[in-house]
N, C-alpha and C. Protein backbone atom coordinates (compact mmCIF):
# COMPACT_ATOMS: atom_id res chain seq x y z
N UNK A 1 108.95 -15.40 -30.91
CA UNK A 1 109.09 -15.84 -32.34
C UNK A 1 109.78 -17.34 -32.39
N UNK A 2 109.32 -17.73 -33.59
CA UNK A 2 109.77 -19.25 -33.94
C UNK A 2 111.06 -19.20 -34.31
N UNK A 3 111.74 -20.06 -34.00
CA UNK A 3 113.11 -20.35 -34.43
C UNK A 3 113.31 -20.70 -36.02
N UNK A 4 113.59 -19.79 -36.86
CA UNK A 4 113.60 -20.12 -38.29
C UNK A 4 114.12 -21.27 -38.76
N UNK A 5 115.10 -22.24 -38.20
CA UNK A 5 115.72 -23.50 -38.41
C UNK A 5 114.55 -24.53 -38.25
N UNK A 6 113.15 -24.18 -37.73
CA UNK A 6 112.41 -25.08 -37.43
C UNK A 6 111.01 -24.75 -38.03
N UNK A 7 111.27 -24.03 -39.27
CA UNK A 7 110.08 -23.71 -40.15
C UNK A 7 109.50 -25.07 -40.94
N UNK A 8 108.33 -25.50 -40.82
CA UNK A 8 108.01 -26.34 -41.53
C UNK A 8 107.38 -25.88 -42.96
N UNK A 9 107.10 -26.88 -43.92
CA UNK A 9 106.69 -26.28 -45.09
C UNK A 9 105.36 -25.39 -45.23
N UNK A 10 104.63 -25.68 -44.22
CA UNK A 10 103.29 -25.17 -44.27
C UNK A 10 103.96 -23.49 -43.52
N UNK A 11 104.87 -23.43 -42.83
CA UNK A 11 105.20 -22.08 -42.38
C UNK A 11 105.70 -21.51 -43.74
N UNK A 12 106.66 -21.85 -44.39
CA UNK A 12 107.29 -21.48 -45.55
C UNK A 12 106.36 -21.23 -46.48
N UNK A 13 105.26 -21.91 -46.85
CA UNK A 13 104.37 -21.41 -47.82
C UNK A 13 103.55 -20.35 -47.43
N UNK A 14 103.19 -20.08 -46.12
CA UNK A 14 102.88 -18.86 -45.58
C UNK A 14 103.41 -17.86 -45.56
N UNK A 15 104.88 -17.78 -45.58
CA UNK A 15 105.87 -16.65 -45.84
C UNK A 15 105.89 -16.19 -47.17
N UNK A 16 106.06 -17.38 -48.09
CA UNK A 16 105.97 -17.16 -49.36
C UNK A 16 104.94 -16.15 -49.83
N UNK A 17 103.81 -16.60 -49.64
CA UNK A 17 102.52 -15.96 -49.80
C UNK A 17 102.54 -14.57 -49.25
N UNK A 18 103.16 -14.26 -48.10
CA UNK A 18 103.23 -13.07 -47.69
C UNK A 18 104.25 -12.26 -48.78
N UNK A 19 105.29 -12.57 -49.05
CA UNK A 19 106.39 -11.90 -49.77
C UNK A 19 105.58 -11.67 -51.31
N UNK A 20 104.74 -12.59 -51.60
CA UNK A 20 103.87 -12.45 -53.09
C UNK A 20 103.39 -11.09 -53.23
N UNK A 21 102.62 -10.67 -51.94
CA UNK A 21 101.91 -9.57 -51.88
C UNK A 21 102.68 -8.21 -52.37
N UNK A 22 103.85 -8.22 -51.94
CA UNK A 22 104.98 -7.09 -52.42
C UNK A 22 105.40 -7.31 -54.05
N UNK A 23 104.89 -8.30 -54.71
CA UNK A 23 105.24 -8.40 -56.17
C UNK A 23 104.42 -7.73 -57.04
N UNK A 24 103.46 -6.85 -56.80
CA UNK A 24 102.67 -5.97 -57.58
C UNK A 24 102.99 -4.73 -57.44
N UNK A 25 103.28 -3.77 -58.50
CA UNK A 25 103.82 -2.30 -58.40
C UNK A 25 102.55 -1.65 -57.76
N UNK A 26 101.54 -1.71 -57.99
CA UNK A 26 100.33 -0.90 -57.78
C UNK A 26 100.56 -1.34 -56.38
N UNK A 27 100.21 -2.37 -55.53
CA UNK A 27 100.42 -2.50 -53.98
C UNK A 27 101.63 -1.76 -53.50
N UNK A 28 102.78 -2.07 -54.00
CA UNK A 28 103.97 -1.25 -53.66
C UNK A 28 103.71 0.42 -53.71
N UNK A 29 102.99 0.58 -54.68
CA UNK A 29 102.64 2.05 -54.63
C UNK A 29 101.84 2.48 -53.45
N UNK A 30 100.81 1.73 -53.59
CA UNK A 30 99.80 1.98 -51.95
C UNK A 30 100.53 1.87 -50.86
N UNK A 31 101.34 0.91 -50.61
CA UNK A 31 102.08 0.66 -49.39
C UNK A 31 102.92 1.91 -49.13
N UNK A 32 103.73 2.25 -50.07
CA UNK A 32 104.73 3.39 -50.06
C UNK A 32 103.96 4.68 -49.66
N UNK A 33 102.68 4.82 -50.12
CA UNK A 33 101.90 6.00 -50.00
C UNK A 33 101.42 6.01 -48.39
N UNK A 34 100.95 4.92 -48.25
CA UNK A 34 100.46 4.75 -46.71
C UNK A 34 101.84 5.12 -45.81
N UNK A 35 103.03 4.82 -45.99
CA UNK A 35 103.93 5.18 -45.28
C UNK A 35 104.18 6.66 -44.49
N UNK A 36 103.37 7.33 -45.23
CA UNK A 36 103.20 8.87 -45.15
C UNK A 36 102.30 9.16 -44.27
N UNK A 37 101.54 8.06 -44.20
CA UNK A 37 100.27 8.38 -43.11
C UNK A 37 99.00 7.96 -43.47
N UNK A 38 97.76 7.98 -42.90
CA UNK A 38 96.49 7.74 -43.20
C UNK A 38 95.80 8.41 -44.41
N UNK A 39 95.16 7.32 -45.06
CA UNK A 39 94.73 8.01 -46.30
C UNK A 39 93.39 7.30 -46.61
N UNK A 40 92.38 8.02 -47.07
CA UNK A 40 91.21 7.39 -47.87
C UNK A 40 91.14 6.75 -49.21
N UNK A 41 90.51 6.10 -49.71
CA UNK A 41 90.64 5.61 -50.98
C UNK A 41 91.03 6.47 -52.11
N UNK A 42 90.04 7.63 -51.98
CA UNK A 42 90.39 8.56 -53.03
C UNK A 42 91.79 9.25 -52.73
N UNK A 43 92.51 9.31 -51.88
CA UNK A 43 93.77 9.83 -51.76
C UNK A 43 94.47 8.88 -52.19
N UNK A 44 94.44 7.35 -51.92
CA UNK A 44 95.13 6.41 -52.14
C UNK A 44 95.44 6.30 -53.74
N UNK A 45 94.21 6.60 -54.46
CA UNK A 45 94.09 6.55 -55.85
C UNK A 45 94.76 7.31 -56.59
N UNK A 46 94.74 8.74 -55.93
CA UNK A 46 95.52 9.52 -56.64
C UNK A 46 97.24 9.19 -56.47
N UNK A 47 97.59 8.75 -55.40
CA UNK A 47 98.76 8.41 -55.35
C UNK A 47 99.25 7.32 -55.99
N UNK A 48 98.42 6.00 -56.12
CA UNK A 48 98.81 5.16 -56.90
C UNK A 48 98.32 5.29 -58.45
N UNK A 49 97.86 6.23 -58.67
CA UNK A 49 97.60 6.48 -60.06
C UNK A 49 96.71 5.26 -60.75
N UNK A 50 95.61 5.02 -59.92
CA UNK A 50 94.78 4.29 -60.44
C UNK A 50 93.26 4.44 -59.93
N UNK A 51 92.52 3.55 -60.53
CA UNK A 51 91.07 3.89 -60.19
C UNK A 51 90.76 3.51 -58.76
N UNK A 52 89.72 4.20 -58.23
CA UNK A 52 89.36 4.01 -56.66
C UNK A 52 88.86 2.30 -56.91
N UNK A 53 88.17 1.98 -58.01
CA UNK A 53 88.01 0.43 -57.83
C UNK A 53 88.99 -0.45 -57.86
N UNK A 54 89.92 -0.22 -58.40
CA UNK A 54 91.39 -0.89 -58.50
C UNK A 54 92.03 -0.89 -57.09
N UNK A 55 92.01 0.40 -56.52
CA UNK A 55 92.50 0.59 -55.27
C UNK A 55 91.83 -0.38 -54.01
N UNK A 56 90.52 -0.35 -54.34
CA UNK A 56 89.62 -1.16 -53.39
C UNK A 56 89.99 -2.55 -53.39
N UNK A 57 90.35 -2.74 -54.67
CA UNK A 57 90.47 -4.52 -55.05
C UNK A 57 92.00 -4.71 -54.35
N UNK A 58 92.80 -4.01 -54.42
CA UNK A 58 94.40 -3.98 -54.06
C UNK A 58 94.28 -3.89 -52.27
N UNK A 59 93.45 -3.21 -51.86
CA UNK A 59 93.33 -2.84 -50.38
C UNK A 59 92.79 -4.28 -49.68
N UNK A 60 91.78 -4.67 -50.61
CA UNK A 60 91.06 -6.00 -50.08
C UNK A 60 92.08 -7.08 -49.60
N UNK A 61 93.07 -7.11 -50.88
CA UNK A 61 94.03 -8.19 -50.69
C UNK A 61 95.12 -7.84 -49.59
N UNK A 62 95.37 -6.54 -49.51
CA UNK A 62 96.50 -6.00 -48.71
C UNK A 62 95.69 -6.47 -47.21
N UNK A 63 94.55 -6.22 -46.94
CA UNK A 63 93.84 -6.52 -45.62
C UNK A 63 93.97 -7.89 -45.16
N UNK A 64 93.56 -8.64 -46.51
CA UNK A 64 93.68 -10.06 -46.00
C UNK A 64 95.11 -10.54 -45.50
N UNK A 65 96.33 -9.92 -46.17
CA UNK A 65 97.47 -10.05 -45.80
C UNK A 65 98.02 -9.66 -44.76
N UNK A 66 97.21 -8.86 -44.03
CA UNK A 66 97.30 -7.99 -42.60
C UNK A 66 98.36 -7.12 -42.65
N UNK A 67 98.52 -6.45 -44.08
CA UNK A 67 99.77 -5.42 -44.19
C UNK A 67 98.97 -3.90 -43.90
N UNK A 68 97.80 -3.82 -44.12
CA UNK A 68 97.09 -2.64 -43.65
C UNK A 68 95.93 -2.90 -43.09
N UNK A 69 95.65 -1.67 -42.41
CA UNK A 69 94.41 -1.78 -41.16
C UNK A 69 93.57 -0.50 -41.62
N UNK A 70 92.28 -0.62 -41.12
CA UNK A 70 91.68 0.69 -41.68
C UNK A 70 90.69 1.02 -40.19
N UNK A 71 90.24 2.38 -40.38
CA UNK A 71 89.40 2.64 -39.56
C UNK A 71 88.14 3.47 -39.93
N UNK A 72 87.00 3.24 -39.49
CA UNK A 72 85.92 4.24 -40.08
C UNK A 72 85.51 5.62 -39.24
N UNK A 73 85.24 6.51 -39.87
CA UNK A 73 84.87 7.85 -39.24
C UNK A 73 83.58 8.20 -40.14
N UNK A 74 82.48 7.72 -39.70
CA UNK A 74 81.46 7.99 -40.32
C UNK A 74 81.20 7.11 -41.39
N UNK A 75 81.03 8.13 -42.50
CA UNK A 75 81.35 7.35 -44.05
C UNK A 75 82.41 7.06 -44.42
N UNK A 76 83.33 7.72 -43.91
CA UNK A 76 84.73 7.81 -44.40
C UNK A 76 85.60 6.57 -43.80
N UNK A 77 86.25 5.75 -44.59
CA UNK A 77 87.12 4.94 -44.35
C UNK A 77 88.65 5.39 -44.48
N UNK A 78 89.61 5.23 -43.64
CA UNK A 78 90.89 5.37 -43.75
C UNK A 78 91.88 4.42 -43.49
N UNK A 79 92.78 4.12 -44.28
CA UNK A 79 93.86 2.86 -44.16
C UNK A 79 95.17 3.65 -43.78
N UNK A 80 95.78 2.58 -43.03
CA UNK A 80 97.18 2.96 -42.62
C UNK A 80 98.00 1.33 -42.88
N UNK A 81 99.41 1.63 -42.89
CA UNK A 81 99.99 0.47 -42.57
C UNK A 81 99.69 -0.36 -41.33
N UNK A 82 99.96 -1.70 -41.28
CA UNK A 82 99.26 -2.19 -40.15
C UNK A 82 100.08 -2.17 -38.93
N UNK A 83 101.52 -2.23 -39.37
CA UNK A 83 102.55 -1.72 -38.21
C UNK A 83 103.83 -1.71 -38.47
N UNK A 84 104.83 -1.39 -37.57
CA UNK A 84 106.19 -0.73 -38.11
C UNK A 84 106.95 -1.92 -39.19
N UNK A 85 106.52 -3.06 -38.96
CA UNK A 85 107.06 -4.17 -39.40
C UNK A 85 107.05 -3.88 -40.87
N UNK A 86 105.84 -3.40 -41.71
CA UNK A 86 105.67 -3.37 -42.95
C UNK A 86 106.82 -2.22 -43.52
N UNK A 87 106.64 -1.00 -42.75
CA UNK A 87 107.42 -0.06 -43.18
C UNK A 87 108.67 -0.29 -43.29
N UNK A 88 109.34 -1.34 -42.27
CA UNK A 88 110.71 -1.81 -42.26
C UNK A 88 111.17 -2.48 -43.47
N UNK A 89 109.87 -3.33 -43.68
CA UNK A 89 110.26 -4.31 -44.92
C UNK A 89 110.39 -3.37 -46.15
N UNK A 90 109.54 -2.39 -46.20
CA UNK A 90 109.44 -1.53 -47.45
C UNK A 90 110.95 -0.78 -47.37
N UNK A 91 111.20 -0.32 -46.35
CA UNK A 91 112.73 0.29 -46.22
C UNK A 91 113.60 -0.50 -46.60
N UNK A 92 113.93 -1.70 -46.14
CA UNK A 92 114.87 -2.76 -46.40
C UNK A 92 114.71 -3.20 -47.95
N UNK A 93 113.73 -3.45 -48.71
CA UNK A 93 113.46 -3.63 -49.99
C UNK A 93 114.09 -2.80 -50.96
N UNK A 94 113.72 -1.24 -50.40
CA UNK A 94 114.30 -0.09 -51.16
C UNK A 94 115.77 -0.05 -51.07
N UNK A 95 116.37 -0.11 -49.88
CA UNK A 95 117.61 -0.07 -49.61
C UNK A 95 118.22 -1.36 -50.56
N UNK A 96 117.92 -2.02 -50.42
CA UNK A 96 118.58 -3.42 -51.10
C UNK A 96 118.66 -3.08 -52.44
N UNK A 97 117.60 -2.75 -53.10
CA UNK A 97 117.46 -2.30 -54.41
C UNK A 97 118.43 -1.22 -54.82
N UNK A 98 118.62 -0.25 -54.14
CA UNK A 98 119.06 0.88 -54.50
C UNK A 98 120.84 0.64 -54.34
N UNK A 99 121.19 -0.23 -53.49
CA UNK A 99 122.27 -1.00 -53.45
C UNK A 99 122.82 -1.73 -54.54
N UNK A 100 122.12 -2.23 -55.25
CA UNK A 100 122.30 -3.00 -56.31
C UNK A 100 122.42 -2.31 -57.70
N UNK A 101 122.26 -1.13 -57.52
CA UNK A 101 122.39 -0.13 -58.46
C UNK A 101 123.75 0.24 -58.80
N UNK A 102 124.47 0.02 -57.59
CA UNK A 102 125.97 0.84 -57.49
C UNK A 102 126.70 -0.13 -58.26
């Protein structure tokens, strides 16, 4: 891992872009839903409370950001969190938010 004291402007811009992905409530609903396990677009749509078309657009953005991965099973596509780091980031964000309410 790179020493954080040595991040250059490009590194910081990339990290800022990474955190921007978490700035959309629908994307957060999708990510929190995927913490429970692998889901297809229809299930994600139900959890997030938005259309399948909207979910697909958000999933595209989340795939580009490497926050989610997918696997195909015939015609079905299943999405999951890319790795444990994403779950930890979500957990820390929620924990921090709840602590600010006290």
